[in-house]
């Protein structure tokens, strides 16, 4: 009985870890993308802005963070009671 409880807690902790790491990545990437919006005031077009974002690694953190959050929230648990 205690072993099952420990296993459930371990899975929930894994999900919580994925959620928090995903949240951190999303915040980091989102802040970087907002910060790079200043390029538009220097004469960059929207096309050049998006091309620039594709070359920056920290902007990919936004997408990775969203995926981690989605996995942590929506990935089904394998614990199904009949």
PDB file of N, CA and C in Angstrom:
ATOM      1  N   UNK A   1       0.816  -1.191   0.000  1.00  0.00           N
ATOM      2  CA  UNK A   1       0.000   0.000   0.000  1.00  0.00           C
ATOM      3  C   UNK A   1       0.866   1.265   0.000  1.00  0.00           C
ATOM      4  N   UNK A   2       1.873   1.270   0.849  1.00  0.00           N
ATOM      5  CA  UNK A   2       2.748   2.442   0.926  1.00  0.00           C
ATOM      6  C   UNK A   2       3.552   2.608  -0.361  1.00  0.00           C
ATOM      7  N   UNK A   3       3.879   1.485  -0.999  1.00  0.00           N
ATOM      8  CA  UNK A   3       4.645   1.541  -2.241  1.00  0.00           C
ATOM      9  C   UNK A   3       3.822   2.196  -3.352  1.00  0.00           C
ATOM     10  N   UNK A   4       2.525   1.901  -3.425  1.00  0.00           N
ATOM     11  CA  UNK A   4       1.665   2.519  -4.432  1.00  0.00           C
ATOM     12  C   UNK A   4       1.550   4.023  -4.197  1.00  0.00           C
ATOM     13  N   UNK A   5       1.426   4.377  -2.933  1.00  0.00           N
ATOM     14  CA  UNK A   5       1.328   5.798  -2.591  1.00  0.00           C
ATOM     15  C   UNK A   5       2.599   6.540  -3.001  1.00  0.00           C
ATOM     16  N   UNK A   6       3.749   5.935  -2.734  1.00  0.00           N
ATOM     17  CA  UNK A   6       5.025   6.559  -3.102  1.00  0.00           C
ATOM     18  C   UNK A   6       5.137   6.705  -4.611  1.00  0.00           C
ATOM     19  N   UNK A   7       4.640   5.722  -5.354  1.00  0.00           N
ATOM     20  CA  UNK A   7       4.690   5.780  -6.813  1.00  0.00           C
ATOM     21  C   UNK A   7       3.798   6.907  -7.341  1.00  0.00           C
ATOM     22  N   UNK A   8       2.611   7.083  -6.743  1.00  0.00           N
ATOM     23  CA  UNK A   8       1.716   8.156  -7.171  1.00  0.00           C
ATOM     24  C   UNK A   8       2.324   9.525  -6.883  1.00  0.00           C
ATOM     25  N   UNK A   9       2.935   9.646  -5.718  1.00  0.00           N
ATOM     26  CA  UNK A   9       3.569  10.921  -5.358  1.00  0.00           C
ATOM     27  C   UNK A   9       4.727  11.214  -6.298  1.00  0.00           C
ATOM     28  N   UNK A  10       5.478  10.179  -6.652  1.00  0.00           N
ATOM     29  CA  UNK A  10       6.614  10.363  -7.558  1.00  0.00           C
ATOM     30  C   UNK A  10       6.147  10.853  -8.923  1.00  0.00           C
ATOM     31  N   UNK A  11       5.062  10.296  -9.440  1.00  0.00           N
ATOM     32  CA  UNK A  11       4.547  10.729 -10.738  1.00  0.00           C
ATOM     33  C   UNK A  11       4.028  12.162 -10.678  1.00  0.00           C
ATOM     34  N   UNK A  12       3.382  12.506  -9.570  1.00  0.00           N
ATOM     35  CA  UNK A  12       2.887  13.876  -9.439  1.00  0.00           C
ATOM     36  C   UNK A  12       4.037  14.867  -9.325  1.00  0.00           C
ATOM     37  N   UNK A  13       5.094  14.468  -8.661  1.00  0.00           N
ATOM     38  CA  UNK A  13       6.256  15.348  -8.543  1.00  0.00           C
ATOM     39  C   UNK A  13       6.919  15.549  -9.908  1.00  0.00           C
ATOM     40  N   UNK A  14       6.948  14.492 -10.730  1.00  0.00           N
ATOM     41  CA  UNK A  14       7.499  14.608 -12.079  1.00  0.00           C
ATOM     42  C   UNK A  14       6.669  15.595 -12.896  1.00  0.00           C
ATOM     43  N   UNK A  15       5.348  15.495 -12.795  1.00  0.00           N
ATOM     44  CA  UNK A  15       4.482  16.417 -13.521  1.00  0.00           C
ATOM     45  C   UNK A  15       4.675  17.855 -13.037  1.00  0.00           C
ATOM     46  N   UNK A  16       4.781  18.026 -11.736  1.00  0.00           N
ATOM     47  CA  UNK A  16       4.976  19.366 -11.176  1.00  0.00           C
ATOM     48  C   UNK A  16       6.315  19.945 -11.629  1.00  0.00           C
ATOM     49  N   UNK A  17       7.346  19.100 -11.675  1.00  0.00           N
ATOM     50  CA  UNK A  17       8.654  19.549 -12.144  1.00  0.00           C
ATOM     51  C   UNK A  17       8.572  19.992 -13.601  1.00  0.00           C
ATOM     52  N   UNK A  18       7.913  19.195 -14.449  1.00  0.00           N
ATOM     53  CA  UNK A  18       7.754  19.561 -15.863  1.00  0.00           C
ATOM     54  C   UNK A  18       6.969  20.859 -16.003  1.00  0.00           C
ATOM     55  N   UNK A  19       5.954  21.023 -15.180  1.00  0.00           N
ATOM     56  CA  UNK A  19       5.150  22.236 -15.239  1.00  0.00           C
ATOM     57  C   UNK A  19       5.976  23.463 -14.869  1.00  0.00           C
ATOM     58  N   UNK A  20       6.744  23.373 -13.809  1.00  0.00           N
ATOM     59  CA  UNK A  20       7.535  24.526 -13.368  1.00  0.00           C
ATOM     60  C   UNK A  20       8.677  24.848 -14.326  1.00  0.00           C
ATOM     61  N   UNK A  21       9.344  23.823 -14.843  1.00  0.00           N
ATOM     62  CA  UNK A  21      10.416  24.062 -15.819  1.00  0.00           C
ATOM     63  C   UNK A  21       9.828  24.655 -17.097  1.00  0.00           C
ATOM     64  N   UNK A  22       8.695  24.121 -17.539  1.00  0.00           N
ATOM     65  CA  UNK A  22       8.027  24.665 -18.718  1.00  0.00           C
ATOM     66  C   UNK A  22       7.613  26.110 -18.522  1.00  0.00           C
ATOM     67  N   UNK A  23       7.117  26.424 -17.330  1.00  0.00           N
ATOM     68  CA  UNK A  23       6.733  27.805 -17.027  1.00  0.00           C
ATOM     69  C   UNK A  23       7.955  28.724 -17.083  1.00  0.00           C
ATOM     70  N   UNK A  24       9.056  28.283 -16.521  1.00  0.00           N
ATOM     71  CA  UNK A  24      10.278  29.088 -16.553  1.00  0.00           C
ATOM     72  C   UNK A  24      10.785  29.307 -17.967  1.00  0.00           C
ATOM     73  N   UNK A  25      10.771  28.249 -18.782  1.00  0.00           N
ATOM     74  CA  UNK A  25      11.200  28.384 -20.176  1.00  0.00           C
ATOM     75  C   UNK A  25      10.283  29.340 -20.942  1.00  0.00           C
ATOM     76  N   UNK A  26       8.982  29.218 -20.704  1.00  0.00           N
ATOM     77  CA  UNK A  26       8.032  30.077 -21.404  1.00  0.00           C
ATOM     78  C   UNK A  26       8.234  31.540 -21.032  1.00  0.00           C
ATOM     79  N   UNK A  27       8.447  31.807 -19.763  1.00  0.00           N
ATOM     80  CA  UNK A  27       8.684  33.185 -19.327  1.00  0.00           C
ATOM     81  C   UNK A  27       9.975  33.724 -19.935  1.00  0.00           C
ATOM     82  N   UNK A  28      11.027  32.923 -19.911  1.00  0.00           N
ATOM     83  CA  UNK A  28      12.313  33.361 -20.455  1.00  0.00           C
ATOM     84  C   UNK A  28      12.211  33.650 -21.952  1.00  0.00           C
ATOM     85  N   UNK A  29      11.597  32.749 -22.692  1.00  0.00           N
ATOM     86  CA  UNK A  29      11.450  32.956 -24.130  1.00  0.00           C
ATOM     87  C   UNK A  29      10.522  34.102 -24.465  1.00  0.00           C
ATOM     88  N   UNK A  30       9.428  34.231 -23.716  1.00  0.00           N
ATOM     89  CA  UNK A  30       8.478  35.314 -23.968  1.00  0.00           C
ATOM     90  C   UNK A  30       9.072  36.678 -23.688  1.00  0.00           C
ATOM     91  N   UNK A  31       9.820  36.788 -22.605  1.00  0.00           N
ATOM     92  CA  UNK A  31      10.469  38.065 -22.285  1.00  0.00           C
ATOM     93  C   UNK A  31      11.493  38.416 -23.363  1.00  0.00           C
ATOM     94  N   UNK A  32      12.207  37.422 -23.857  1.00  0.00           N
ATOM     95  CA  UNK A  32      13.184  37.689 -24.926  1.00  0.00           C
ATOM     96  C   UNK A  32      12.492  38.173 -26.190  1.00  0.00           C
ATOM     97  N   UNK A  33      11.369  37.545 -26.532  1.00  0.00           N
ATOM     98  CA  UNK A  33      10.654  37.964 -27.739  1.00  0.00           C
ATOM     99  C   UNK A  33      10.103  39.380 -27.583  1.00  0.00           C
ATOM    100  N   UNK A  34       9.615  39.717 -26.407  1.00  0.00           N
ATOM    101  CA  UNK A  34       9.127  41.079 -26.166  1.00  0.00           C
ATOM    102  C   UNK A  34      10.285  42.073 -26.216  1.00  0.00           C
ATOM    103  N   UNK A  35      11.421  41.668 -25.660  1.00  0.00           N
ATOM    104  CA  UNK A  35      12.585  42.548 -25.670  1.00  0.00           C
ATOM    105  C   UNK A  35      13.049  42.818 -27.105  1.00  0.00           C
ATOM    106  N   UNK A  36      12.995  41.795 -27.948  1.00  0.00           N
ATOM    107  CA  UNK A  36      13.429  41.968 -29.332  1.00  0.00           C
ATOM    108  C   UNK A  36      12.424  42.761 -30.162  1.00  0.00           C
ATOM    109  N   UNK A  37      11.239  43.053 -29.618  1.00  0.00           N
ATOM    110  CA  UNK A  37      10.300  43.914 -30.337  1.00  0.00           C
ATOM    111  C   UNK A  37      10.874  45.308 -30.571  1.00  0.00           C
ATOM    112  N   UNK A  38      11.875  45.683 -29.800  1.00  0.00           N
ATOM    113  CA  UNK A  38      12.530  46.978 -30.001  1.00  0.00           C
ATOM    114  C   UNK A  38      13.195  47.070 -31.368  1.00  0.00           C
ATOM    115  N   UNK A  39      13.444  45.932 -31.999  1.00  0.00           N
ATOM    116  CA  UNK A  39      14.034  45.961 -33.339  1.00  0.00           C
ATOM    117  C   UNK A  39      13.084  46.593 -34.350  1.00  0.00           C
ATOM    118  N   UNK A  40      11.785  46.507 -34.089  1.00  0.00           N
ATOM    119  CA  UNK A  40      10.823  47.107 -35.018  1.00  0.00           C
ATOM    120  C   UNK A  40      10.951  48.627 -35.044  1.00  0.00           C
ATOM    121  N   UNK A  41      11.345  49.213 -33.924  1.00  0.00           N
ATOM    122  CA  UNK A  41      11.501  50.674 -33.896  1.00  0.00           C
ATOM    123  C   UNK A  41      12.774  51.133 -34.594  1.00  0.00           C
ATOM    124  N   UNK A  42      13.704  50.211 -34.816  1.00  0.00           N
ATOM    125  CA  UNK A  42      14.947  50.579 -35.503  1.00  0.00           C
ATOM    126  C   UNK A  42      14.845  50.403 -37.009  1.00  0.00           C
ATOM    127  N   UNK A  43      13.664  50.012 -37.503  1.00  0.00           N
ATOM    128  CA  UNK A  43      13.481  49.919 -38.942  1.00  0.00           C
ATOM    129  C   UNK A  43      13.325  48.511 -39.478  1.00  0.00           C
ATOM    130  N   UNK A  44      13.355  47.509 -38.621  1.00  0.00           N
ATOM    131  CA  UNK A  44      13.139  46.140 -39.081  1.00  0.00           C
ATOM    132  C   UNK A  44      11.675  45.961 -39.477  1.00  0.00           C
ATOM    133  N   UNK A  45      11.434  45.163 -40.508  1.00  0.00           N
ATOM    134  CA  UNK A  45      10.057  44.821 -40.864  1.00  0.00           C
ATOM    135  C   UNK A  45       9.642  43.592 -40.046  1.00  0.00           C
ATOM    136  N   UNK A  46       8.358  43.250 -40.106  1.00  0.00           N
ATOM    137  CA  UNK A  46       7.884  42.077 -39.367  1.00  0.00           C
ATOM    138  C   UNK A  46       8.530  40.792 -39.893  1.00  0.00           C
ATOM    139  N   UNK A  47       8.769  40.747 -41.188  1.00  0.00           N
ATOM    140  CA  UNK A  47       9.422  39.578 -41.780  1.00  0.00           C
ATOM    141  C   UNK A  47      10.850  39.443 -41.259  1.00  0.00           C
ATOM    142  N   UNK A  48      11.583  40.543 -41.234  1.00  0.00           N
ATOM    143  CA  UNK A  48      12.955  40.516 -40.714  1.00  0.00           C
ATOM    144  C   UNK A  48      12.970  40.188 -39.222  1.00  0.00           C
ATOM    145  N   UNK A  49      11.965  40.678 -38.503  1.00  0.00           N
ATOM    146  CA  UNK A  49      11.855  40.396 -37.066  1.00  0.00           C
ATOM    147  C   UNK A  49      11.663  38.899 -36.819  1.00  0.00           C
ATOM    148  N   UNK A  50      10.752  38.279 -37.566  1.00  0.00           N
ATOM    149  CA  UNK A  50      10.526  36.838 -37.365  1.00  0.00           C
ATOM    150  C   UNK A  50      11.733  36.024 -37.818  1.00  0.00           C
ATOM    151  N   UNK A  51      12.406  36.463 -38.881  1.00  0.00           N
ATOM    152  CA  UNK A  51      13.619  35.766 -39.303  1.00  0.00           C
ATOM    153  C   UNK A  51      14.702  35.878 -38.241  1.00  0.00           C
ATOM    154  N   UNK A  52      14.797  37.031 -37.602  1.00  0.00           N
ATOM    155  CA  UNK A  52      15.765  37.204 -36.527  1.00  0.00           C
ATOM    156  C   UNK A  52      15.418  36.309 -35.344  1.00  0.00           C
ATOM    157  N   UNK A  53      14.132  36.221 -35.005  1.00  0.00           N
ATOM    158  CA  UNK A  53      13.720  35.369 -33.883  1.00  0.00           C
ATOM    159  C   UNK A  53      14.073  33.906 -34.123  1.00  0.00           C
ATOM    160  N   UNK A  54      14.003  33.482 -35.368  1.00  0.00           N
ATOM    161  CA  UNK A  54      14.314  32.084 -35.683  1.00  0.00           C
ATOM    162  C   UNK A  54      15.796  31.764 -35.490  1.00  0.00           C
ATOM    163  N   UNK A  55      16.630  32.781 -35.433  1.00  0.00           N
ATOM    164  CA  UNK A  55      18.063  32.538 -35.235  1.00  0.00           C
ATOM    165  C   UNK A  55      18.464  32.589 -33.768  1.00  0.00           C
ATOM    166  N   UNK A  56      17.565  33.009 -32.887  1.00  0.00           N
ATOM    167  CA  UNK A  56      17.879  33.165 -31.467  1.00  0.00           C
ATOM    168  C   UNK A  56      17.418  31.938 -30.687  1.00  0.00           C
ATOM    169  N   UNK A  57      18.326  31.328 -29.951  1.00  0.00           N
ATOM    170  CA  UNK A  57      18.021  30.111 -29.205  1.00  0.00           C
ATOM    171  C   UNK A  57      17.028  30.360 -28.076  1.00  0.00           C
ATOM    172  N   UNK A  58      17.127  31.499 -27.417  1.00  0.00           N
ATOM    173  CA  UNK A  58      16.241  31.738 -26.272  1.00  0.00           C
ATOM    174  C   UNK A  58      14.782  31.879 -26.687  1.00  0.00           C
ATOM    175  N   UNK A  59      14.529  32.189 -27.943  1.00  0.00           N
ATOM    176  CA  UNK A  59      13.143  32.267 -28.401  1.00  0.00           C
ATOM    177  C   UNK A  59      12.541  30.879 -28.593  1.00  0.00           C
ATOM    178  N   UNK A  60      13.377  29.887 -28.836  1.00  0.00           N
ATOM    179  CA  UNK A  60      12.881  28.512 -28.917  1.00  0.00           C
ATOM    180  C   UNK A  60      12.467  27.993 -27.544  1.00  0.00           C
ATOM    181  N   UNK A  61      12.979  28.605 -26.486  1.00  0.00           N
ATOM    182  CA  UNK A  61      12.571  28.207 -25.138  1.00  0.00           C
ATOM    183  C   UNK A  61      11.078  28.419 -24.927  1.00  0.00           C
ATOM    184  N   UNK A  62      10.511  29.416 -25.578  1.00  0.00           N
ATOM    185  CA  UNK A  62       9.080  29.680 -25.462  1.00  0.00           C
ATOM    186  C   UNK A  62       8.275  28.482 -25.957  1.00  0.00           C
ATOM    187  N   UNK A  63       8.651  27.948 -27.103  1.00  0.00           N
ATOM    188  CA  UNK A  63       7.939  26.806 -27.678  1.00  0.00           C
ATOM    189  C   UNK A  63       8.151  25.557 -26.832  1.00  0.00           C
ATOM    190  N   UNK A  64       9.381  25.327 -26.406  1.00  0.00           N
ATOM    191  CA  UNK A  64       9.681  24.163 -25.561  1.00  0.00           C
ATOM    192  C   UNK A  64       8.916  24.254 -24.247  1.00  0.00           C
ATOM    193  N   UNK A  65       8.847  25.441 -23.685  1.00  0.00           N
ATOM    194  CA  UNK A  65       8.110  25.636 -22.444  1.00  0.00           C
ATOM    195  C   UNK A  65       6.631  25.350 -22.599  1.00  0.00           C
ATOM    196  N   UNK A  66       6.042  25.812 -23.698  1.00  0.00           N
ATOM    197  CA  UNK A  66       4.629  25.521 -23.940  1.00  0.00           C
ATOM    198  C   UNK A  66       4.383  24.025 -24.086  1.00  0.00           C
ATOM    199  N   UNK A  67       5.295  23.338 -24.755  1.00  0.00           N
ATOM    200  CA  UNK A  67       5.152  21.885 -24.899  1.00  0.00           C
ATOM    201  C   UNK A  67       5.256  21.174 -23.555  1.00  0.00           C
ATOM    202  N   UNK A  68       6.193  21.594 -22.722  1.00  0.00           N
ATOM    203  CA  UNK A  68       6.330  20.981 -21.396  1.00  0.00           C
ATOM    204  C   UNK A  68       5.092  21.216 -20.535  1.00  0.00           C
ATOM    205  N   UNK A  69       4.545  22.400 -20.603  1.00  0.00           N
ATOM    206  CA  UNK A  69       3.331  22.690 -19.841  1.00  0.00           C
ATOM    207  C   UNK A  69       2.175  21.834 -20.343  1.00  0.00           C
ATOM    208  N   UNK A  70       2.041  21.726 -21.659  1.00  0.00           N
ATOM    209  CA  UNK A  70       0.961  20.913 -22.221  1.00  0.00           C
ATOM    210  C   UNK A  70       1.112  19.447 -21.838  1.00  0.00           C
ATOM    211  N   UNK A  71       2.333  18.941 -21.851  1.00  0.00           N
ATOM    212  CA  UNK A  71       2.565  17.550 -21.459  1.00  0.00           C
ATOM    213  C   UNK A  71       2.230  17.352 -19.993  1.00  0.00           C
ATOM    214  N   UNK A  72       2.637  18.293 -19.157  1.00  0.00           N
ATOM    215  CA  UNK A  72       2.387  18.159 -17.720  1.00  0.00           C
ATOM    216  C   UNK A  72       0.901  18.212 -17.394  1.00  0.00           C
ATOM    217  N   UNK A  73       0.146  18.982 -18.137  1.00  0.00           N
ATOM    218  CA  UNK A  73      -1.271  19.136 -17.825  1.00  0.00           C
ATOM    219  C   UNK A  73      -2.129  18.092 -18.530  1.00  0.00           C
ATOM    220  N   UNK A  74      -1.893  17.881 -19.815  1.00  0.00           N
ATOM    221  CA  UNK A  74      -2.819  17.081 -20.612  1.00  0.00           C
ATOM    222  C   UNK A  74      -2.400  15.640 -20.845  1.00  0.00           C
ATOM    223  N   UNK A  75      -1.165  15.278 -20.541  1.00  0.00           N
ATOM    224  CA  UNK A  75      -0.731  13.902 -20.771  1.00  0.00           C
ATOM    225  C   UNK A  75      -1.475  12.995 -19.802  1.00  0.00           C
ATOM    226  N   UNK A  76      -2.153  11.974 -20.318  1.00  0.00           N
ATOM    227  CA  UNK A  76      -2.985  11.145 -19.431  1.00  0.00           C
ATOM    228  C   UNK A  76      -2.156  10.313 -18.466  1.00  0.00           C
ATOM    229  N   UNK A  77      -2.692  10.162 -17.291  1.00  0.00           N
ATOM    230  CA  UNK A  77      -2.054   9.335 -16.275  1.00  0.00           C
ATOM    231  C   UNK A  77      -2.329   7.871 -16.586  1.00  0.00           C
ATOM    232  N   UNK A  78      -1.403   7.012 -16.252  1.00  0.00           N
ATOM    233  CA  UNK A  78      -1.587   5.581 -16.509  1.00  0.00           C
ATOM    234  C   UNK A  78      -2.327   4.881 -15.377  1.00  0.00           C
ATOM    235  N   UNK A  79      -2.614   5.597 -14.318  1.00  0.00           N
ATOM    236  CA  UNK A  79      -3.336   5.018 -13.189  1.00  0.00           C
ATOM    237  C   UNK A  79      -4.828   5.095 -13.457  1.00  0.00           C
ATOM    238  N   UNK A  80      -5.396   3.998 -13.914  1.00  0.00           N
ATOM    239  CA  UNK A  80      -6.834   3.946 -14.165  1.00  0.00           C
ATOM    240  C   UNK A  80      -7.426   2.843 -13.311  1.00  0.00           C
ATOM    241  N   UNK A  81      -8.408   3.221 -12.539  1.00  0.00           N
ATOM    242  CA  UNK A  81      -9.081   2.234 -11.702  1.00  0.00           C
ATOM    243  C   UNK A  81     -10.285   1.690 -12.448  1.00  0.00           C
ATOM    244  N   UNK A  82     -10.483   0.404 -12.346  1.00  0.00           N
ATOM    245  CA  UNK A  82     -11.628  -0.237 -13.012  1.00  0.00           C
ATOM    246  C   UNK A  82     -12.837  -0.238 -12.117  1.00  0.00           C
TER     247      UNK A  82
END
